Amino acid sequence: MKKVKVYITLKESVLDPQGQAVMQSLHNMNYPDVQDVRIGKYIELQMEDGADIAQKVDAICDRLLANTVIENYRYEIEEEVRS
């Protein structure tokens, strides 16, 4: 088994109103050093090991997990997951 960690973020050109709200709250809490906040998603998958695991993860992200029009994704594949 492999653990796949998927990180999904908005593309730089896409406005992030949730991130802006968090940044404003941080400024109100006296954290003026925070200059920008971007909100994203983190997803973990446990997958059977195989030679084509990267292709499968790309397909999963493209078809379901990420809206590739407005989001970017990246992932890390970790070695054996022991149960």
PDB file of N, CA and C in Angstrom:
ATOM      1  N   MET A   1       0.839  -1.185   0.000  1.00  0.00           N
ATOM      2  CA  MET A   1       0.000   0.000   0.000  1.00  0.00           C
ATOM      3  C   MET A   1       0.884   1.247   0.000  1.00  0.00           C
ATOM      4  N   LYS A   2       0.384   2.264  -0.638  1.00  0.00           N
ATOM      5  CA  LYS A   2       1.053   3.565  -0.657  1.00  0.00           C
ATOM      6  C   LYS A   2       0.099   4.605  -0.097  1.00  0.00           C
ATOM      7  N   LYS A   3       0.671   5.593   0.589  1.00  0.00           N
ATOM      8  CA  LYS A   3      -0.110   6.752   1.009  1.00  0.00           C
ATOM      9  C   LYS A   3       0.192   7.874   0.029  1.00  0.00           C
ATOM     10  N   VAL A   4      -0.857   8.462  -0.521  1.00  0.00           N
ATOM     11  CA  VAL A   4      -0.706   9.578  -1.449  1.00  0.00           C
ATOM     12  C   VAL A   4      -1.279  10.819  -0.776  1.00  0.00           C
ATOM     13  N   LYS A   5      -0.456  11.840  -0.652  1.00  0.00           N
ATOM     14  CA  LYS A   5      -0.876  13.111  -0.074  1.00  0.00           C
ATOM     15  C   LYS A   5      -1.093  14.095  -1.218  1.00  0.00           C
ATOM     16  N   VAL A   6      -2.336  14.566  -1.348  1.00  0.00           N
ATOM     17  CA  VAL A   6      -2.704  15.464  -2.441  1.00  0.00           C
ATOM     18  C   VAL A   6      -2.963  16.858  -1.867  1.00  0.00           C
ATOM     19  N   TYR A   7      -2.328  17.861  -2.463  1.00  0.00           N
ATOM     20  CA  TYR A   7      -2.490  19.255  -2.056  1.00  0.00           C
ATOM     21  C   TYR A   7      -3.123  20.007  -3.220  1.00  0.00           C
ATOM     22  N   ILE A   8      -4.256  20.653  -2.962  1.00  0.00           N
ATOM     23  CA  ILE A   8      -4.981  21.381  -4.000  1.00  0.00           C
ATOM     24  C   ILE A   8      -5.066  22.846  -3.581  1.00  0.00           C
ATOM     25  N   THR A   9      -4.649  23.732  -4.482  1.00  0.00           N
ATOM     26  CA  THR A   9      -4.678  25.165  -4.202  1.00  0.00           C
ATOM     27  C   THR A   9      -5.274  25.910  -5.395  1.00  0.00           C
ATOM     28  N   LEU A  10      -5.817  27.088  -5.109  1.00  0.00           N
ATOM     29  CA  LEU A  10      -6.316  27.930  -6.189  1.00  0.00           C
ATOM     30  C   LEU A  10      -5.154  28.446  -7.024  1.00  0.00           C
ATOM     31  N   LYS A  11      -5.376  28.584  -8.313  1.00  0.00           N
ATOM     32  CA  LYS A  11      -4.354  29.179  -9.170  1.00  0.00           C
ATOM     33  C   LYS A  11      -4.130  30.624  -8.738  1.00  0.00           C
ATOM     34  N   GLU A  12      -2.931  31.126  -8.966  1.00  0.00           N
ATOM     35  CA  GLU A  12      -2.564  32.484  -8.554  1.00  0.00           C
ATOM     36  C   GLU A  12      -3.519  33.539  -9.110  1.00  0.00           C
ATOM     37  N   SER A  13      -4.028  33.327 -10.311  1.00  0.00           N
ATOM     38  CA  SER A  13      -4.889  34.322 -10.949  1.00  0.00           C
ATOM     39  C   SER A  13      -6.315  34.318 -10.416  1.00  0.00           C
ATOM     40  N   VAL A  14      -6.661  33.362  -9.558  1.00  0.00           N
ATOM     41  CA  VAL A  14      -8.019  33.240  -9.035  1.00  0.00           C
ATOM     42  C   VAL A  14      -8.108  33.918  -7.669  1.00  0.00           C
ATOM     43  N   LEU A  15      -9.108  34.775  -7.507  1.00  0.00           N
ATOM     44  CA  LEU A  15      -9.317  35.435  -6.224  1.00  0.00           C
ATOM     45  C   LEU A  15      -9.702  34.404  -5.168  1.00  0.00           C
ATOM     46  N   ASP A  16      -9.265  34.642  -3.935  1.00  0.00           N
ATOM     47  CA  ASP A  16      -9.538  33.729  -2.830  1.00  0.00           C
ATOM     48  C   ASP A  16     -10.237  34.501  -1.709  1.00  0.00           C
ATOM     49  N   PRO A  17     -11.577  34.659  -1.787  1.00  0.00           N
ATOM     50  CA  PRO A  17     -12.278  35.439  -0.766  1.00  0.00           C
ATOM     51  C   PRO A  17     -12.157  34.834   0.634  1.00  0.00           C
ATOM     52  N   GLN A  18     -12.099  33.512   0.739  1.00  0.00           N
ATOM     53  CA  GLN A  18     -11.940  32.888   2.048  1.00  0.00           C
ATOM     54  C   GLN A  18     -10.565  33.236   2.632  1.00  0.00           C
ATOM     55  N   GLY A  19      -9.549  33.196   1.801  1.00  0.00           N
ATOM     56  CA  GLY A  19      -8.215  33.581   2.245  1.00  0.00           C
ATOM     57  C   GLY A  19      -8.158  35.041   2.669  1.00  0.00           C
ATOM     58  N   GLN A  20      -8.852  35.906   1.928  1.00  0.00           N
ATOM     59  CA  GLN A  20      -8.878  37.322   2.277  1.00  0.00           C
ATOM     60  C   GLN A  20      -9.576  37.547   3.618  1.00  0.00           C
ATOM     61  N   ALA A  21     -10.655  36.802   3.869  1.00  0.00           N
ATOM     62  CA  ALA A  21     -11.367  36.915   5.144  1.00  0.00           C
ATOM     63  C   ALA A  21     -10.476  36.474   6.304  1.00  0.00           C
ATOM     64  N   VAL A  22      -9.729  35.389   6.110  1.00  0.00           N
ATOM     65  CA  VAL A  22      -8.812  34.916   7.149  1.00  0.00           C
ATOM     66  C   VAL A  22      -7.711  35.951   7.382  1.00  0.00           C
ATOM     67  N   MET A  23      -7.179  36.515   6.311  1.00  0.00           N
ATOM     68  CA  MET A  23      -6.136  37.519   6.463  1.00  0.00           C
ATOM     69  C   MET A  23      -6.659  38.732   7.232  1.00  0.00           C
ATOM     70  N   GLN A  24      -7.864  39.173   6.921  1.00  0.00           N
ATOM     71  CA  GLN A  24      -8.440  40.316   7.636  1.00  0.00           C
ATOM     72  C   GLN A  24      -8.622  39.995   9.117  1.00  0.00           C
ATOM     73  N   SER A  25      -9.074  38.780   9.401  1.00  0.00           N
ATOM     74  CA  SER A  25      -9.229  38.366  10.805  1.00  0.00           C
ATOM     75  C   SER A  25      -7.882  38.349  11.522  1.00  0.00           C
ATOM     76  N   LEU A  26      -6.850  37.863  10.852  1.00  0.00           N
ATOM     77  CA  LEU A  26      -5.512  37.856  11.447  1.00  0.00           C
ATOM     78  C   LEU A  26      -5.028  39.271  11.725  1.00  0.00           C
ATOM     79  N   HIS A  27      -5.287  40.188  10.804  1.00  0.00           N
ATOM     80  CA  HIS A  27      -4.904  41.587  11.030  1.00  0.00           C
ATOM     81  C   HIS A  27      -5.675  42.152  12.223  1.00  0.00           C
ATOM     82  N   ASN A  28      -6.968  41.819  12.329  1.00  0.00           N
ATOM     83  CA  ASN A  28      -7.775  42.286  13.460  1.00  0.00           C
ATOM     84  C   ASN A  28      -7.282  41.703  14.781  1.00  0.00           C
ATOM     85  N   MET A  29      -6.644  40.546  14.719  1.00  0.00           N
ATOM     86  CA  MET A  29      -6.099  39.888  15.918  1.00  0.00           C
ATOM     87  C   MET A  29      -4.667  40.344  16.208  1.00  0.00           C
ATOM     88  N   ASN A  30      -4.250  41.393  15.516  1.00  0.00           N
ATOM     89  CA  ASN A  30      -2.929  41.993  15.710  1.00  0.00           C
ATOM     90  C   ASN A  30      -1.792  41.134  15.162  1.00  0.00           C
ATOM     91  N   TYR A  31      -2.012  40.557  13.985  1.00  0.00           N
ATOM     92  CA  TYR A  31      -0.949  39.869  13.239  1.00  0.00           C
ATOM     93  C   TYR A  31      -0.758  40.582  11.898  1.00  0.00           C
ATOM     94  N   PRO A  32      -0.260  41.816  11.929  1.00  0.00           N
ATOM     95  CA  PRO A  32      -0.140  42.597  10.699  1.00  0.00           C
ATOM     96  C   PRO A  32       0.938  42.095   9.738  1.00  0.00           C
ATOM     97  N   ASP A  33       1.821  41.226  10.214  1.00  0.00           N
ATOM     98  CA  ASP A  33       2.896  40.723   9.359  1.00  0.00           C
ATOM     99  C   ASP A  33       2.387  39.777   8.277  1.00  0.00           C
ATOM    100  N   VAL A  34       1.195  39.227   8.453  1.00  0.00           N
ATOM    101  CA  VAL A  34       0.632  38.320   7.451  1.00  0.00           C
ATOM    102  C   VAL A  34       0.224  39.159   6.238  1.00  0.00           C
ATOM    103  N   GLN A  35       0.844  38.887   5.113  1.00  0.00           N
ATOM    104  CA  GLN A  35       0.611  39.679   3.907  1.00  0.00           C
ATOM    105  C   GLN A  35      -0.353  39.043   2.913  1.00  0.00           C
ATOM    106  N   ASP A  36      -0.525  37.720   2.982  1.00  0.00           N
ATOM    107  CA  ASP A  36      -1.449  37.057   2.070  1.00  0.00           C
ATOM    108  C   ASP A  36      -1.806  35.700   2.654  1.00  0.00           C
ATOM    109  N   VAL A  37      -3.016  35.260   2.395  1.00  0.00           N
ATOM    110  CA  VAL A  37      -3.479  33.944   2.823  1.00  0.00           C
ATOM    111  C   VAL A  37      -4.191  33.298   1.646  1.00  0.00           C
ATOM    112  N   ARG A  38      -3.839  32.061   1.363  1.00  0.00           N
ATOM    113  CA  ARG A  38      -4.512  31.281   0.327  1.00  0.00           C
ATOM    114  C   ARG A  38      -5.005  29.996   0.995  1.00  0.00           C
ATOM    115  N   ILE A  39      -6.254  29.665   0.779  1.00  0.00           N
ATOM    116  CA  ILE A  39      -6.862  28.476   1.378  1.00  0.00           C
ATOM    117  C   ILE A  39      -6.851  27.354   0.349  1.00  0.00           C
ATOM    118  N   GLY A  40      -6.555  26.149   0.788  1.00  0.00           N
ATOM    119  CA  GLY A  40      -6.527  25.002  -0.113  1.00  0.00           C
ATOM    120  C   GLY A  40      -7.118  23.772   0.547  1.00  0.00           C
ATOM    121  N   LYS A  41      -6.927  22.638  -0.089  1.00  0.00           N
ATOM    122  CA  LYS A  41      -7.429  21.368   0.413  1.00  0.00           C
ATOM    123  C   LYS A  41      -6.281  20.369   0.513  1.00  0.00           C
ATOM    124  N   TYR A  42      -6.399  19.471   1.483  1.00  0.00           N
ATOM    125  CA  TYR A  42      -5.436  18.393   1.662  1.00  0.00           C
ATOM    126  C   TYR A  42      -6.228  17.093   1.714  1.00  0.00           C
ATOM    127  N   ILE A  43      -5.826  16.131   0.903  1.00  0.00           N
ATOM    128  CA  ILE A  43      -6.534  14.851   0.812  1.00  0.00           C
ATOM    129  C   ILE A  43      -5.510  13.726   0.867  1.00  0.00           C
ATOM    130  N   GLU A  44      -5.808  12.683   1.646  1.00  0.00           N
ATOM    131  CA  GLU A  44      -4.953  11.496   1.691  1.00  0.00           C
ATOM    132  C   GLU A  44      -5.669  10.328   1.035  1.00  0.00           C
ATOM    133  N   LEU A  45      -4.935   9.624   0.198  1.00  0.00           N
ATOM    134  CA  LEU A  45      -5.433   8.414  -0.443  1.00  0.00           C
ATOM    135  C   LEU A  45      -4.537   7.249  -0.035  1.00  0.00           C
ATOM    136  N   GLN A  46      -5.127   6.100   0.200  1.00  0.00           N
ATOM    137  CA  GLN A  46      -4.346   4.881   0.389  1.00  0.00           C
ATOM    138  C   GLN A  46      -4.621   4.024  -0.836  1.00  0.00           C
ATOM    139  N   MET A  47      -3.553   3.662  -1.539  1.00  0.00           N
ATOM    140  CA  MET A  47      -3.701   2.969  -2.813  1.00  0.00           C
ATOM    141  C   MET A  47      -2.808   1.740  -2.864  1.00  0.00           C
ATOM    142  N   GLU A  48      -3.271   0.762  -3.603  1.00  0.00           N
ATOM    143  CA  GLU A  48      -2.454  -0.414  -3.883  1.00  0.00           C
ATOM    144  C   GLU A  48      -1.230   0.022  -4.677  1.00  0.00           C
ATOM    145  N   ASP A  49      -0.110  -0.590  -4.386  1.00  0.00           N
ATOM    146  CA  ASP A  49       1.129  -0.283  -5.087  1.00  0.00           C
ATOM    147  C   ASP A  49       1.040  -0.772  -6.527  1.00  0.00           C
ATOM    148  N   GLY A  50       1.620  -0.018  -7.438  1.00  0.00           N
ATOM    149  CA  GLY A  50       1.641  -0.416  -8.840  1.00  0.00           C
ATOM    150  C   GLY A  50       2.532   0.520  -9.637  1.00  0.00           C
ATOM    151  N   ALA A  51       2.957   0.055 -10.783  1.00  0.00           N
ATOM    152  CA  ALA A  51       3.866   0.831 -11.622  1.00  0.00           C
ATOM    153  C   ALA A  51       3.201   2.104 -12.145  1.00  0.00           C
ATOM    154  N   ASP A  52       1.889   2.083 -12.290  1.00  0.00           N
ATOM    155  CA  ASP A  52       1.187   3.219 -12.878  1.00  0.00           C
ATOM    156  C   ASP A  52       0.459   4.071 -11.840  1.00  0.00           C
ATOM    157  N   ILE A  53       0.933   4.060 -10.597  1.00  0.00           N
ATOM    158  CA  ILE A  53       0.247   4.789  -9.535  1.00  0.00           C
ATOM    159  C   ILE A  53       0.194   6.289  -9.818  1.00  0.00           C
ATOM    160  N   ALA A  54       1.264   6.877 -10.336  1.00  0.00           N
ATOM    161  CA  ALA A  54       1.278   8.311 -10.634  1.00  0.00           C
ATOM    162  C   ALA A  54       0.233   8.652 -11.698  1.00  0.00           C
ATOM    163  N   GLN A  55       0.104   7.814 -12.703  1.00  0.00           N
ATOM    164  CA  GLN A  55      -0.918   8.045 -13.740  1.00  0.00           C
ATOM    165  C   GLN A  55      -2.313   7.990 -13.142  1.00  0.00           C
ATOM    166  N   LYS A  56      -2.534   7.037 -12.246  1.00  0.00           N
ATOM    167  CA  LYS A  56      -3.845   6.913 -11.614  1.00  0.00           C
ATOM    168  C   LYS A  56      -4.151   8.124 -10.746  1.00  0.00           C
ATOM    169  N   VAL A  57      -3.162   8.590  -9.984  1.00  0.00           N
ATOM    170  CA  VAL A  57      -3.373   9.759  -9.133  1.00  0.00           C
ATOM    171  C   VAL A  57      -3.665  10.985  -9.990  1.00  0.00           C
ATOM    172  N   ASP A  58      -2.932  11.165 -11.085  1.00  0.00           N
ATOM    173  CA  ASP A  58      -3.210  12.276 -11.991  1.00  0.00           C
ATOM    174  C   ASP A  58      -4.649  12.209 -12.513  1.00  0.00           C
ATOM    175  N   ALA A  59      -5.084  11.033 -12.905  1.00  0.00           N
ATOM    176  CA  ALA A  59      -6.446  10.874 -13.426  1.00  0.00           C
ATOM    177  C   ALA A  59      -7.478  11.189 -12.339  1.00  0.00           C
ATOM    178  N   ILE A  60      -7.249  10.707 -11.123  1.00  0.00           N
ATOM    179  CA  ILE A  60      -8.165  10.969 -10.008  1.00  0.00           C
ATOM    180  C   ILE A  60      -8.265  12.470  -9.741  1.00  0.00           C
ATOM    181  N   CYS A  61      -7.121  13.138  -9.719  1.00  0.00           N
ATOM    182  CA  CYS A  61      -7.117  14.582  -9.469  1.00  0.00           C
ATOM    183  C   CYS A  61      -7.798  15.345 -10.601  1.00  0.00           C
ATOM    184  N   ASP A  62      -7.466  14.994 -11.842  1.00  0.00           N
ATOM    185  CA  ASP A  62      -8.045  15.673 -13.002  1.00  0.00           C
ATOM    186  C   ASP A  62      -9.545  15.466 -13.110  1.00  0.00           C
ATOM    187  N   ARG A  63     -10.004  14.257 -12.803  1.00  0.00           N
ATOM    188  CA  ARG A  63     -11.408  13.917 -13.016  1.00  0.00           C
ATOM    189  C   ARG A  63     -12.316  14.204 -11.841  1.00  0.00           C
ATOM    190  N   LEU A  64     -11.754  14.247 -10.605  1.00  0.00           N
ATOM    191  CA  LEU A  64     -12.637  14.383  -9.453  1.00  0.00           C
ATOM    192  C   LEU A  64     -12.165  15.383  -8.392  1.00  0.00           C
ATOM    193  N   LEU A  65     -10.930  15.275  -7.946  1.00  0.00           N
ATOM    194  CA  LEU A  65     -10.512  16.020  -6.764  1.00  0.00           C
ATOM    195  C   LEU A  65     -10.274  17.509  -7.008  1.00  0.00           C
ATOM    196  N   ALA A  66      -9.770  17.863  -8.180  1.00  0.00           N
ATOM    197  CA  ALA A  66      -9.431  19.261  -8.462  1.00  0.00           C
ATOM    198  C   ALA A  66     -10.231  19.782  -9.642  1.00  0.00           C
ATOM    199  N   ASN A  67     -10.632  21.028  -9.552  1.00  0.00           N
ATOM    200  CA  ASN A  67     -11.219  21.720 -10.686  1.00  0.00           C
ATOM    201  C   ASN A  67     -10.047  22.400 -11.392  1.00  0.00           C
ATOM    202  N   THR A  68      -9.521  21.756 -12.415  1.00  0.00           N
ATOM    203  CA  THR A  68      -8.269  22.219 -13.025  1.00  0.00           C
ATOM    204  C   THR A  68      -8.407  23.541 -13.778  1.00  0.00           C
ATOM    205  N   VAL A  69      -9.614  24.045 -13.918  1.00  0.00           N
ATOM    206  CA  VAL A  69      -9.790  25.373 -14.520  1.00  0.00           C
ATOM    207  C   VAL A  69      -9.305  26.444 -13.545  1.00  0.00           C
ATOM    208  N   ILE A  70      -9.555  26.230 -12.244  1.00  0.00           N
ATOM    209  CA  ILE A  70      -9.202  27.244 -11.249  1.00  0.00           C
ATOM    210  C   ILE A  70      -8.226  26.752 -10.185  1.00  0.00           C
ATOM    211  N   GLU A  71      -7.905  25.453 -10.189  1.00  0.00           N
ATOM    212  CA  GLU A  71      -7.050  24.900  -9.137  1.00  0.00           C
ATOM    213  C   GLU A  71      -5.840  24.175  -9.705  1.00  0.00           C
ATOM    214  N   ASN A  72      -4.760  24.202  -8.939  1.00  0.00           N
ATOM    215  CA  ASN A  72      -3.577  23.392  -9.202  1.00  0.00           C
ATOM    216  C   ASN A  72      -3.532  22.280  -8.167  1.00  0.00           C
ATOM    217  N   TYR A  73      -2.862  21.209  -8.509  1.00  0.00           N
ATOM    218  CA  TYR A  73      -2.651  20.158  -7.516  1.00  0.00           C
ATOM    219  C   TYR A  73      -1.239  19.629  -7.624  1.00  0.00           C
ATOM    220  N   ARG A  74      -0.790  19.088  -6.514  1.00  0.00           N
ATOM    221  CA  ARG A  74       0.477  18.360  -6.472  1.00  0.00           C
ATOM    222  C   ARG A  74       0.276  17.236  -5.481  1.00  0.00           C
ATOM    223  N   TYR A  75       1.137  16.255  -5.546  1.00  0.00           N
ATOM    224  CA  TYR A  75       0.994  15.128  -4.627  1.00  0.00           C
ATOM    225  C   TYR A  75       2.340  14.511  -4.311  1.00  0.00           C
ATOM    226  N   GLU A  76       2.353  13.790  -3.188  1.00  0.00           N
ATOM    227  CA  GLU A  76       3.531  13.046  -2.754  1.00  0.00           C
ATOM    228  C   GLU A  76       3.087  11.608  -2.544  1.00  0.00           C
ATOM    229  N   ILE A  77       3.896  10.686  -3.010  1.00  0.00           N
ATOM    230  CA  ILE A  77       3.621   9.258  -2.818  1.00  0.00           C
ATOM    231  C   ILE A  77       4.610   8.737  -1.795  1.00  0.00           C
ATOM    232  N   GLU A  78       4.078   8.241  -0.667  1.00  0.00           N
ATOM    233  CA  GLU A  78       4.929   7.706   0.379  1.00  0.00           C
ATOM    234  C   GLU A  78       5.042   6.199   0.250  1.00  0.00           C
ATOM    235  N   GLU A  79       6.116   5.688   0.769  1.00  0.00           N
ATOM    236  CA  GLU A  79       6.365   4.255   0.743  1.00  0.00           C
ATOM    237  C   GLU A  79       5.330   3.500   1.546  1.00  0.00           C
ATOM    238  N   GLU A  80       5.526   2.225   1.642  1.00  0.00           N
ATOM    239  CA  GLU A  80       4.616   1.292   2.305  1.00  0.00           C
ATOM    240  C   GLU A  80       3.883   1.870   3.515  1.00  0.00           C
ATOM    241  N   VAL A  81       2.598   1.634   3.549  1.00  0.00           N
ATOM    242  CA  VAL A  81       1.780   1.976   4.702  1.00  0.00           C
ATOM    243  C   VAL A  81       1.523   0.678   5.440  1.00  0.00           C
ATOM    244  N   ARG A  82       1.953   0.607   6.676  1.00  0.00           N
ATOM    245  CA  ARG A  82       1.773  -0.605   7.485  1.00  0.00           C
ATOM    246  C   ARG A  82       0.512  -0.474   8.305  1.00  0.00           C
ATOM    247  N   SER A  83      -0.301  -1.551   8.317  1.00  0.00           N
ATOM    248  CA  SER A  83      -1.512  -1.501   9.134  1.00  0.00           C
ATOM    249  C   SER A  83      -1.360  -2.234  10.425  1.00  0.00           C
TER     250      SER A  83
END
